[in-house]
């Protein structure tokens, strides 16, 4: 689950927020294990905050949204890596038997 707060003063490390401007933060915690929950703050600028709010589905938590975004990013990176490796010529490869420690 996520709790959302607007800080009155920006934290020391605003993660890109402009000094003197208020920053938004996302507080996440694990609702399944409240006895060992971890709350993390991620300062974001107002435009990023609004974009994230618009991206959420009805009933979707910020944790779920961020997890979905991370998974999508991992898939894109894997697809990019596969395309790069697929485009290499066979002569660029070295047989495992040719590799010595």
Protein backbone atom coordinates (compact mmCIF):
# COMPACT_ATOMS: atom_id res chain seq x y z
CA UNK A 1 0.00 0.00 0.00
CA UNK A 2 1.12 3.56 -0.42
CA UNK A 3 0.57 6.69 1.59
CA UNK A 4 0.92 10.01 -0.16
CA UNK A 5 2.09 13.18 1.52
CA UNK A 6 3.10 16.64 0.41
CA UNK A 7 6.08 17.91 2.36
CA UNK A 8 5.98 21.56 3.38
CA UNK A 9 9.76 21.84 3.10
CA UNK A 10 11.83 19.84 0.62
CA UNK A 11 14.10 17.19 2.14
CA UNK A 12 17.85 17.72 1.91
CA UNK A 13 18.10 15.36 -1.05
CA UNK A 14 15.06 16.19 -3.18
CA UNK A 15 15.90 13.73 -5.92
CA UNK A 16 15.76 16.43 -8.54
CA UNK A 17 13.17 18.72 -6.96
CA UNK A 18 14.07 22.40 -7.11
CA UNK A 19 15.33 23.85 -3.83
CA UNK A 20 12.74 25.99 -2.11
CA UNK A 21 9.83 24.26 -3.87
CA UNK A 22 7.66 21.68 -2.18
CA UNK A 23 8.22 18.10 -3.24
CA UNK A 24 5.80 15.20 -3.28
CA UNK A 25 6.77 11.90 -1.70
CA UNK A 26 5.48 8.39 -2.07
CA UNK A 27 5.53 6.33 1.12
CA UNK A 28 5.23 2.59 0.56
CA UNK A 29 4.83 -0.25 3.00
CA UNK A 30 4.07 -3.95 2.86
CA UNK A 31 0.52 -4.48 4.14
CA UNK A 32 1.01 -8.25 4.32
CA UNK A 33 3.66 -8.10 7.01
CA UNK A 34 2.96 -5.04 9.13
CA UNK A 35 5.15 -6.23 11.99
CA UNK A 36 8.20 -5.92 9.71
CA UNK A 37 6.99 -3.22 7.34
CA UNK A 38 9.42 -0.88 5.65
CA UNK A 39 8.33 2.62 4.67
CA UNK A 40 10.41 4.32 2.01
CA UNK A 41 10.11 7.87 0.76
CA UNK A 42 10.68 8.80 -2.86
CA UNK A 43 10.67 12.57 -3.41
CA UNK A 44 9.19 13.53 -6.77
CA UNK A 45 8.37 16.82 -8.43
CA UNK A 46 4.78 18.03 -8.77
CA UNK A 47 4.54 17.19 -12.51
CA UNK A 48 5.79 13.63 -11.89
CA UNK A 49 3.34 13.30 -9.00
CA UNK A 50 0.44 14.29 -11.25
CA UNK A 51 1.57 11.94 -14.04
CA UNK A 52 1.75 9.01 -11.61
CA UNK A 53 -1.70 9.81 -10.24
CA UNK A 54 -3.12 9.86 -13.79
CA UNK A 55 -1.47 6.53 -14.65
CA UNK A 56 -3.06 4.66 -11.73
CA UNK A 57 -6.05 2.44 -12.37
CA UNK A 58 -9.07 2.65 -10.07
CA UNK A 59 -8.13 1.01 -6.78
CA UNK A 60 -4.50 0.54 -7.80
CA UNK A 61 -1.92 1.42 -5.16
CA UNK A 62 1.21 3.40 -5.95
CA UNK A 63 3.24 0.33 -4.94
CA UNK A 64 1.36 -1.75 -7.53
CA UNK A 65 1.79 0.96 -10.16
CA UNK A 66 5.54 1.24 -9.54
CA UNK A 67 5.94 -2.56 -9.51
CA UNK A 68 4.12 -2.74 -12.86
CA UNK A 69 6.34 0.00 -14.29
CA UNK A 70 9.48 -1.79 -13.08
CA UNK A 71 8.36 -5.09 -14.61
CA UNK A 72 7.60 -3.37 -17.93
CA UNK A 73 11.05 -1.75 -17.90
CA UNK A 74 12.76 -5.09 -17.21
CA UNK A 75 10.90 -6.70 -20.13
CA UNK A 76 11.91 -3.86 -22.48
CA UNK A 77 15.56 -4.18 -21.44
CA UNK A 78 15.48 -7.93 -22.05
CA UNK A 79 13.89 -7.43 -25.47
CA UNK A 80 16.55 -4.84 -26.35
CA UNK A 81 19.34 -7.19 -25.24
CA UNK A 82 17.88 -10.06 -27.29
CA UNK A 83 17.67 -7.82 -30.38
CA UNK A 84 21.30 -6.74 -29.90
CA UNK A 85 22.52 -10.32 -29.52
CA UNK A 86 20.37 -11.56 -32.41
CA UNK A 87 21.80 -8.96 -34.74
CA UNK A 88 25.42 -10.01 -34.07
CA UNK A 89 27.18 -12.07 -36.71
CA UNK A 90 28.17 -15.66 -35.96
CA UNK A 91 31.86 -14.79 -36.36
CA UNK A 92 31.55 -12.50 -33.31
CA UNK A 93 30.81 -15.47 -31.06
CA UNK A 94 33.44 -17.60 -29.36
CA UNK A 95 32.84 -21.27 -28.62
CA UNK A 96 32.79 -22.14 -24.94
CA UNK A 97 35.41 -24.80 -25.59
CA UNK A 98 37.78 -22.07 -26.82
CA UNK A 99 37.53 -20.09 -23.57
CA UNK A 100 40.28 -20.80 -21.05
CA UNK A 101 40.40 -19.71 -17.41
